[in-house]
Amino acid sequence: AGMISEIHVLLLAKSKLVRTLPEIAGRMRELLMANPKGGNYTTLISGPSRTADIERVAAVGVHGPLELHIILLED
């Protein structure tokens, strides 16, 4: 759903924020070990995708949402 929607809204508890990519990898390993038969699809979204075709026509949001909204929640 995160890849086909035009607008992606993420609700995130502040306690779940991490500072580095290795911390993310560790958290993902924990989740996989807790539920080995669960889904394993992961995406890191930093903003709308940007691409250009052979004619150099720019397109935004081709491979994901056009807008990303992150709402941080107090614990």
PDB file of N, CA and C in Angstrom:
ATOM      1  N   ALA A   1       0.818  -1.198   0.000  1.00  0.00           N
ATOM      2  CA  ALA A   1       0.000   0.000   0.000  1.00  0.00           C
ATOM      3  C   ALA A   1       0.859   1.257   0.000  1.00  0.00           C
ATOM      4  N   GLY A   2       2.028   1.189   0.634  1.00  0.00           N
ATOM      5  CA  GLY A   2       2.905   2.357   0.682  1.00  0.00           C
ATOM      6  C   GLY A   2       3.490   2.736  -0.659  1.00  0.00           C
ATOM      7  N   MET A   3       3.512   1.795  -1.594  1.00  0.00           N
ATOM      8  CA  MET A   3       4.096   2.077  -2.905  1.00  0.00           C
ATOM      9  C   MET A   3       3.067   2.530  -3.925  1.00  0.00           C
ATOM     10  N   ILE A   4       1.786   2.241  -3.722  1.00  0.00           N
ATOM     11  CA  ILE A   4       0.797   2.591  -4.738  1.00  0.00           C
ATOM     12  C   ILE A   4      -0.067   3.782  -4.353  1.00  0.00           C
ATOM     13  N   SER A   5       0.043   4.221  -3.115  1.00  0.00           N
ATOM     14  CA  SER A   5      -0.767   5.366  -2.697  1.00  0.00           C
ATOM     15  C   SER A   5      -0.109   6.665  -3.160  1.00  0.00           C
ATOM     16  N   GLU A   6      -0.920   7.678  -3.405  1.00  0.00           N
ATOM     17  CA  GLU A   6      -0.380   8.981  -3.790  1.00  0.00           C
ATOM     18  C   GLU A   6       0.085   9.763  -2.571  1.00  0.00           C
ATOM     19  N   ILE A   7      -0.582   9.542  -1.441  1.00  0.00           N
ATOM     20  CA  ILE A   7      -0.218  10.215  -0.198  1.00  0.00           C
ATOM     21  C   ILE A   7      -0.011   9.143   0.866  1.00  0.00           C
ATOM     22  N   HIS A   8       1.141   9.168   1.523  1.00  0.00           N
ATOM     23  CA  HIS A   8       1.461   8.197   2.571  1.00  0.00           C
ATOM     24  C   HIS A   8       1.550   8.954   3.894  1.00  0.00           C
ATOM     25  N   VAL A   9       0.765   8.521   4.880  1.00  0.00           N
ATOM     26  CA  VAL A   9       0.780   9.129   6.206  1.00  0.00           C
ATOM     27  C   VAL A   9       1.303   8.082   7.181  1.00  0.00           C
ATOM     28  N   LEU A  10       2.359   8.434   7.897  1.00  0.00           N
ATOM     29  CA  LEU A  10       2.985   7.528   8.844  1.00  0.00           C
ATOM     30  C   LEU A  10       2.809   8.070  10.251  1.00  0.00           C
ATOM     31  N   LEU A  11       2.230   7.255  11.148  1.00  0.00           N
ATOM     32  CA  LEU A  11       2.128   7.599  12.557  1.00  0.00           C
ATOM     33  C   LEU A  11       3.254   6.867  13.267  1.00  0.00           C
ATOM     34  N   LEU A  12       4.126   7.602  13.953  1.00  0.00           N
ATOM     35  CA  LEU A  12       5.312   7.004  14.544  1.00  0.00           C
ATOM     36  C   LEU A  12       5.514   7.506  15.958  1.00  0.00           C
ATOM     37  N   ALA A  13       5.653   6.574  16.891  1.00  0.00           N
ATOM     38  CA  ALA A  13       5.958   6.946  18.280  1.00  0.00           C
ATOM     39  C   ALA A  13       7.405   7.428  18.342  1.00  0.00           C
ATOM     40  N   LYS A  14       7.646   8.487  19.079  1.00  0.00           N
ATOM     41  CA  LYS A  14       9.001   9.034  19.182  1.00  0.00           C
ATOM     42  C   LYS A  14       9.991   8.001  19.718  1.00  0.00           C
ATOM     43  N   SER A  15       9.533   7.091  20.549  1.00  0.00           N
ATOM     44  CA  SER A  15      10.422   6.074  21.119  1.00  0.00           C
ATOM     45  C   SER A  15      10.929   5.093  20.066  1.00  0.00           C
ATOM     46  N   LYS A  16      10.305   5.062  18.900  1.00  0.00           N
ATOM     47  CA  LYS A  16      10.711   4.148  17.832  1.00  0.00           C
ATOM     48  C   LYS A  16      11.747   4.754  16.887  1.00  0.00           C
ATOM     49  N   LEU A  17      12.056   6.034  17.063  1.00  0.00           N
ATOM     50  CA  LEU A  17      13.051   6.681  16.203  1.00  0.00           C
ATOM     51  C   LEU A  17      14.436   6.100  16.463  1.00  0.00           C
ATOM     52  N   VAL A  18      15.215   5.951  15.415  1.00  0.00           N
ATOM     53  CA  VAL A  18      16.601   5.505  15.545  1.00  0.00           C
ATOM     54  C   VAL A  18      17.505   6.508  14.840  1.00  0.00           C
ATOM     55  N   ARG A  19      18.782   6.501  15.201  1.00  0.00           N
ATOM     56  CA  ARG A  19      19.717   7.489  14.660  1.00  0.00           C
ATOM     57  C   ARG A  19      20.507   6.990  13.453  1.00  0.00           C
ATOM     58  N   THR A  20      20.702   5.681  13.340  1.00  0.00           N
ATOM     59  CA  THR A  20      21.597   5.175  12.291  1.00  0.00           C
ATOM     60  C   THR A  20      20.968   4.005  11.541  1.00  0.00           C
ATOM     61  N   LEU A  21      21.488   3.738  10.350  1.00  0.00           N
ATOM     62  CA  LEU A  21      21.024   2.585   9.573  1.00  0.00           C
ATOM     63  C   LEU A  21      21.324   1.262  10.269  1.00  0.00           C
ATOM     64  N   PRO A  22      22.489   1.092  10.924  1.00  0.00           N
ATOM     65  CA  PRO A  22      22.708  -0.173  11.652  1.00  0.00           C
ATOM     66  C   PRO A  22      21.660  -0.417  12.744  1.00  0.00           C
ATOM     67  N   GLU A  23      21.172   0.634  13.383  1.00  0.00           N
ATOM     68  CA  GLU A  23      20.111   0.465  14.376  1.00  0.00           C
ATOM     69  C   GLU A  23      18.837  -0.049  13.715  1.00  0.00           C
ATOM     70  N   ILE A  24      18.551   0.446  12.525  1.00  0.00           N
ATOM     71  CA  ILE A  24      17.371  -0.019  11.786  1.00  0.00           C
ATOM     72  C   ILE A  24      17.526  -1.500  11.455  1.00  0.00           C
ATOM     73  N   ALA A  25      18.710  -1.882  10.982  1.00  0.00           N
ATOM     74  CA  ALA A  25      18.951  -3.285  10.633  1.00  0.00           C
ATOM     75  C   ALA A  25      18.774  -4.181  11.850  1.00  0.00           C
ATOM     76  N   GLY A  26      19.271  -3.747  13.003  1.00  0.00           N
ATOM     77  CA  GLY A  26      19.107  -4.531  14.225  1.00  0.00           C
ATOM     78  C   GLY A  26      17.656  -4.683  14.605  1.00  0.00           C
ATOM     79  N   ARG A  27      16.897  -3.617  14.487  1.00  0.00           N
ATOM     80  CA  ARG A  27      15.460  -3.667  14.814  1.00  0.00           C
ATOM     81  C   ARG A  27      14.727  -4.589  13.839  1.00  0.00           C
ATOM     82  N   MET A  28      15.103  -4.540  12.577  1.00  0.00           N
ATOM     83  CA  MET A  28      14.461  -5.408  11.584  1.00  0.00           C
ATOM     84  C   MET A  28      14.765  -6.870  11.871  1.00  0.00           C
ATOM     85  N   ARG A  29      16.013  -7.173  12.299  1.00  0.00           N
ATOM     86  CA  ARG A  29      16.352  -8.555  12.674  1.00  0.00           C
ATOM     87  C   ARG A  29      15.508  -9.017  13.854  1.00  0.00           C
ATOM     88  N   GLU A  30      15.318  -8.130  14.840  1.00  0.00           N
ATOM     89  CA  GLU A  30      14.482  -8.472  15.995  1.00  0.00           C
ATOM     90  C   GLU A  30      13.057  -8.810  15.561  1.00  0.00           C
ATOM     91  N   LEU A  31      12.512  -8.004  14.671  1.00  0.00           N
ATOM     92  CA  LEU A  31      11.150  -8.250  14.200  1.00  0.00           C
ATOM     93  C   LEU A  31      11.051  -9.560  13.427  1.00  0.00           C
ATOM     94  N   LEU A  32      12.059  -9.857  12.609  1.00  0.00           N
ATOM     95  CA  LEU A  32      12.056 -11.092  11.830  1.00  0.00           C
ATOM     96  C   LEU A  32      12.155 -12.306  12.749  1.00  0.00           C
ATOM     97  N   MET A  33      12.998 -12.217  13.763  1.00  0.00           N
ATOM     98  CA  MET A  33      13.139 -13.342  14.700  1.00  0.00           C
ATOM     99  C   MET A  33      11.854 -13.549  15.506  1.00  0.00           C
ATOM    100  N   ALA A  34      11.153 -12.478  15.824  1.00  0.00           N
ATOM    101  CA  ALA A  34       9.909 -12.582  16.593  1.00  0.00           C
ATOM    102  C   ALA A  34       8.784 -13.177  15.759  1.00  0.00           C
ATOM    103  N   ASN A  35       8.839 -12.999  14.438  1.00  0.00           N
ATOM    104  CA  ASN A  35       7.781 -13.491  13.564  1.00  0.00           C
ATOM    105  C   ASN A  35       8.403 -13.974  12.249  1.00  0.00           C
ATOM    106  N   PRO A  36       9.087 -15.142  12.265  1.00  0.00           N
ATOM    107  CA  PRO A  36       9.812 -15.609  11.073  1.00  0.00           C
ATOM    108  C   PRO A  36       8.931 -15.904   9.866  1.00  0.00           C
ATOM    109  N   LYS A  37       7.644 -16.150  10.070  1.00  0.00           N
ATOM    110  CA  LYS A  37       6.756 -16.419   8.934  1.00  0.00           C
ATOM    111  C   LYS A  37       6.015 -15.174   8.475  1.00  0.00           C
ATOM    112  N   GLY A  38       6.322 -14.051   9.077  1.00  0.00           N
ATOM    113  CA  GLY A  38       5.677 -12.794   8.703  1.00  0.00           C
ATOM    114  C   GLY A  38       6.241 -12.273   7.390  1.00  0.00           C
ATOM    115  N   GLY A  39       5.682 -11.167   6.931  1.00  0.00           N
ATOM    116  CA  GLY A  39       6.153 -10.572   5.694  1.00  0.00           C
ATOM    117  C   GLY A  39       7.567 -10.043   5.828  1.00  0.00           C
ATOM    118  N   ASN A  40       8.275  -9.993   4.727  1.00  0.00           N
ATOM    119  CA  ASN A  40       9.647  -9.500   4.767  1.00  0.00           C
ATOM    120  C   ASN A  40       9.865  -8.354   3.790  1.00  0.00           C
ATOM    121  N   TYR A  41       8.802  -7.675   3.414  1.00  0.00           N
ATOM    122  CA  TYR A  41       8.920  -6.536   2.512  1.00  0.00           C
ATOM    123  C   TYR A  41       9.268  -5.297   3.316  1.00  0.00           C
ATOM    124  N   THR A  42      10.319  -4.614   2.927  1.00  0.00           N
ATOM    125  CA  THR A  42      10.763  -3.423   3.642  1.00  0.00           C
ATOM    126  C   THR A  42      11.096  -2.331   2.633  1.00  0.00           C
ATOM    127  N   THR A  43      10.762  -1.123   2.983  1.00  0.00           N
ATOM    128  CA  THR A  43      11.140   0.013   2.152  1.00  0.00           C
ATOM    129  C   THR A  43      11.546   1.170   3.052  1.00  0.00           C
ATOM    130  N   LEU A  44      12.572   1.873   2.668  1.00  0.00           N
ATOM    131  CA  LEU A  44      12.994   3.074   3.372  1.00  0.00           C
ATOM    132  C   LEU A  44      12.624   4.254   2.480  1.00  0.00           C
ATOM    133  N   ILE A  45      11.735   5.082   2.956  1.00  0.00           N
ATOM    134  CA  ILE A  45      11.234   6.204   2.157  1.00  0.00           C
ATOM    135  C   ILE A  45      11.809   7.497   2.708  1.00  0.00           C
ATOM    136  N   SER A  46      12.492   8.233   1.853  1.00  0.00           N
ATOM    137  CA  SER A  46      13.054   9.517   2.280  1.00  0.00           C
ATOM    138  C   SER A  46      12.374  10.690   1.580  1.00  0.00           C
ATOM    139  N   GLY A  47      11.459  10.394   0.689  1.00  0.00           N
ATOM    140  CA  GLY A  47      10.744  11.436  -0.044  1.00  0.00           C
ATOM    141  C   GLY A  47      10.261  10.880  -1.365  1.00  0.00           C
ATOM    142  N   PRO A  48       9.630  11.710  -2.178  1.00  0.00           N
ATOM    143  CA  PRO A  48       9.111  11.217  -3.453  1.00  0.00           C
ATOM    144  C   PRO A  48      10.235  10.819  -4.400  1.00  0.00           C
ATOM    145  N   SER A  49       9.984   9.758  -5.168  1.00  0.00           N
ATOM    146  CA  SER A  49      10.983   9.332  -6.146  1.00  0.00           C
ATOM    147  C   SER A  49      11.040  10.349  -7.278  1.00  0.00           C
ATOM    148  N   ARG A  50      12.189  10.411  -7.890  1.00  0.00           N
ATOM    149  CA  ARG A  50      12.366  11.297  -9.051  1.00  0.00           C
ATOM    150  C   ARG A  50      13.074  10.497 -10.134  1.00  0.00           C
ATOM    151  N   THR A  51      12.605  10.646 -11.330  1.00  0.00           N
ATOM    152  CA  THR A  51      13.229   9.951 -12.445  1.00  0.00           C
ATOM    153  C   THR A  51      13.029  10.778 -13.721  1.00  0.00           C
ATOM    154  N   ALA A  52      13.762  10.441 -14.749  1.00  0.00           N
ATOM    155  CA  ALA A  52      13.606  11.095 -16.045  1.00  0.00           C
ATOM    156  C   ALA A  52      13.740  10.030 -17.119  1.00  0.00           C
ATOM    157  N   ASP A  53      12.950  10.157 -18.179  1.00  0.00           N
ATOM    158  CA  ASP A  53      13.034   9.186 -19.260  1.00  0.00           C
ATOM    159  C   ASP A  53      14.139   9.601 -20.240  1.00  0.00           C
ATOM    160  N   ILE A  54      14.239   8.899 -21.352  1.00  0.00           N
ATOM    161  CA  ILE A  54      15.287   9.157 -22.340  1.00  0.00           C
ATOM    162  C   ILE A  54      15.216  10.584 -22.866  1.00  0.00           C
ATOM    163  N   GLU A  55      14.016  11.125 -22.958  1.00  0.00           N
ATOM    164  CA  GLU A  55      13.853  12.494 -23.464  1.00  0.00           C
ATOM    165  C   GLU A  55      14.068  13.534 -22.368  1.00  0.00           C
ATOM    166  N   ARG A  56      14.537  13.087 -21.211  1.00  0.00           N
ATOM    167  CA  ARG A  56      14.827  13.961 -20.069  1.00  0.00           C
ATOM    168  C   ARG A  56      13.597  14.684 -19.534  1.00  0.00           C
ATOM    169  N   VAL A  57      12.474  14.003 -19.578  1.00  0.00           N
ATOM    170  CA  VAL A  57      11.246  14.542 -18.999  1.00  0.00           C
ATOM    171  C   VAL A  57      11.182  14.047 -17.553  1.00  0.00           C
ATOM    172  N   ALA A  58      11.219  14.966 -16.619  1.00  0.00           N
ATOM    173  CA  ALA A  58      11.235  14.597 -15.207  1.00  0.00           C
ATOM    174  C   ALA A  58       9.860  14.153 -14.742  1.00  0.00           C
ATOM    175  N   ALA A  59       9.848  13.158 -13.870  1.00  0.00           N
ATOM    176  CA  ALA A  59       8.608  12.675 -13.263  1.00  0.00           C
ATOM    177  C   ALA A  59       8.860  12.485 -11.778  1.00  0.00           C
ATOM    178  N   VAL A  60       7.888  12.859 -10.964  1.00  0.00           N
ATOM    179  CA  VAL A  60       7.998  12.741  -9.512  1.00  0.00           C
ATOM    180  C   VAL A  60       6.959  11.743  -9.025  1.00  0.00           C
ATOM    181  N   GLY A  61       7.353  10.895  -8.081  1.00  0.00           N
ATOM    182  CA  GLY A  61       6.403   9.965  -7.469  1.00  0.00           C
ATOM    183  C   GLY A  61       6.082   8.747  -8.305  1.00  0.00           C
ATOM    184  N   VAL A  62       6.977   8.362  -9.205  1.00  0.00           N
ATOM    185  CA  VAL A  62       6.719   7.212 -10.070  1.00  0.00           C
ATOM    186  C   VAL A  62       6.779   5.905  -9.285  1.00  0.00           C
ATOM    187  N   HIS A  63       7.704   5.789  -8.349  1.00  0.00           N
ATOM    188  CA  HIS A  63       7.927   4.543  -7.624  1.00  0.00           C
ATOM    189  C   HIS A  63       7.465   4.605  -6.176  1.00  0.00           C
ATOM    190  N   GLY A  64       6.576   5.483  -5.879  1.00  0.00           N
ATOM    191  CA  GLY A  64       6.093   5.603  -4.505  1.00  0.00           C
ATOM    192  C   GLY A  64       5.169   6.802  -4.400  1.00  0.00           C
ATOM    193  N   PRO A  65       4.843   7.188  -3.189  1.00  0.00           N
ATOM    194  CA  PRO A  65       3.885   8.278  -2.991  1.00  0.00           C
ATOM    195  C   PRO A  65       4.434   9.627  -3.439  1.00  0.00           C
ATOM    196  N   LEU A  66       3.525  10.495  -3.862  1.00  0.00           N
ATOM    197  CA  LEU A  66       3.897  11.869  -4.205  1.00  0.00           C
ATOM    198  C   LEU A  66       4.169  12.683  -2.944  1.00  0.00           C
ATOM    199  N   GLU A  67       3.462  12.352  -1.871  1.00  0.00           N
ATOM    200  CA  GLU A  67       3.616  13.067  -0.603  1.00  0.00           C
ATOM    201  C   GLU A  67       3.833  12.076   0.519  1.00  0.00           C
ATOM    202  N   LEU A  68       4.710  12.456   1.456  1.00  0.00           N
ATOM    203  CA  LEU A  68       4.947  11.662   2.655  1.00  0.00           C
ATOM    204  C   LEU A  68       4.764  12.576   3.853  1.00  0.00           C
ATOM    205  N   HIS A  69       3.873  12.192   4.763  1.00  0.00           N
ATOM    206  CA  HIS A  69       3.619  12.958   5.985  1.00  0.00           C
ATOM    207  C   HIS A  69       3.932  12.058   7.172  1.00  0.00           C
ATOM    208  N   ILE A  70       4.812  12.517   8.060  1.00  0.00           N
ATOM    209  CA  ILE A  70       5.166  11.752   9.241  1.00  0.00           C
ATOM    210  C   ILE A  70       4.644  12.496  10.460  1.00  0.00           C
ATOM    211  N   ILE A  71       3.822  11.822  11.239  1.00  0.00           N
ATOM    212  CA  ILE A  71       3.260  12.397  12.455  1.00  0.00           C
ATOM    213  C   ILE A  71       3.901  11.696  13.639  1.00  0.00           C
ATOM    214  N   LEU A  72       4.689  12.458  14.432  1.00  0.00           N
ATOM    215  CA  LEU A  72       5.363  11.901  15.583  1.00  0.00           C
ATOM    216  C   LEU A  72       4.432  11.960  16.793  1.00  0.00           C
ATOM    217  N   LEU A  73       4.310  10.849  17.475  1.00  0.00           N
ATOM    218  CA  LEU A  73       3.432  10.736  18.623  1.00  0.00           C
ATOM    219  C   LEU A  73       4.244  10.665  19.900  1.00  0.00           C
ATOM    220  N   GLU A  74       3.814  11.380  20.924  1.00  0.00           N
ATOM    221  CA  GLU A  74       4.441  11.290  22.236  1.00  0.00           C
ATOM    222  C   GLU A  74       4.127   9.922  22.826  1.00  0.00           C
ATOM    223  N   ASP A  75       5.068   9.367  23.587  1.00  0.00           N
ATOM    224  CA  ASP A  75       4.847   8.047  24.209  1.00  0.00           C
ATOM    225  C   ASP A  75       3.996   8.195  25.441  1.00  0.00           C
TER     226      ASP A  75
END
